[in-house]
Amino acid sequence: MNRTVTSSANQIDTRVFSTSMVISGVRCALAYVILPFLAPLVGISSGVGPWIGLPLGLVAVGANVLSIRRFWRSDHRWKWPMTLINAAVIGLLVVLIIIDVADVVP
């Protein structure tokens, strides 16, 4: 029974980590591929990027923090590597958030 609970918790931890990475990846894809190159083709102004990137960046940081918390709460054996990966992604997202805020604030 305990092994089943541990296995289920590890699956949830892995899913939370995967979700946080997908959210971060979507934010970066929007910021660097879709908005700069494809948005002008469909008539969307280039100035909307920061307005989309800022909330997505904040959600991505939250998802990464949630992932770190899940790994530590379950005392997962990969908690240190996952914490380092999440922390690196959070660091990159913070830089992008600062850039977005600088673009939004006149």
Foldseek 3Di string as FASTA:
>chain_A
DVVVVLVVLVVVLVVLLVVLVVLLVVLVCVLPPCLVPPCVVVPHDSLCSLVVNQVSLVVSLVSLVVSLVSCVVSVPPCSVVSNVVSVVSNVVSVVVNVVSVVSVPD
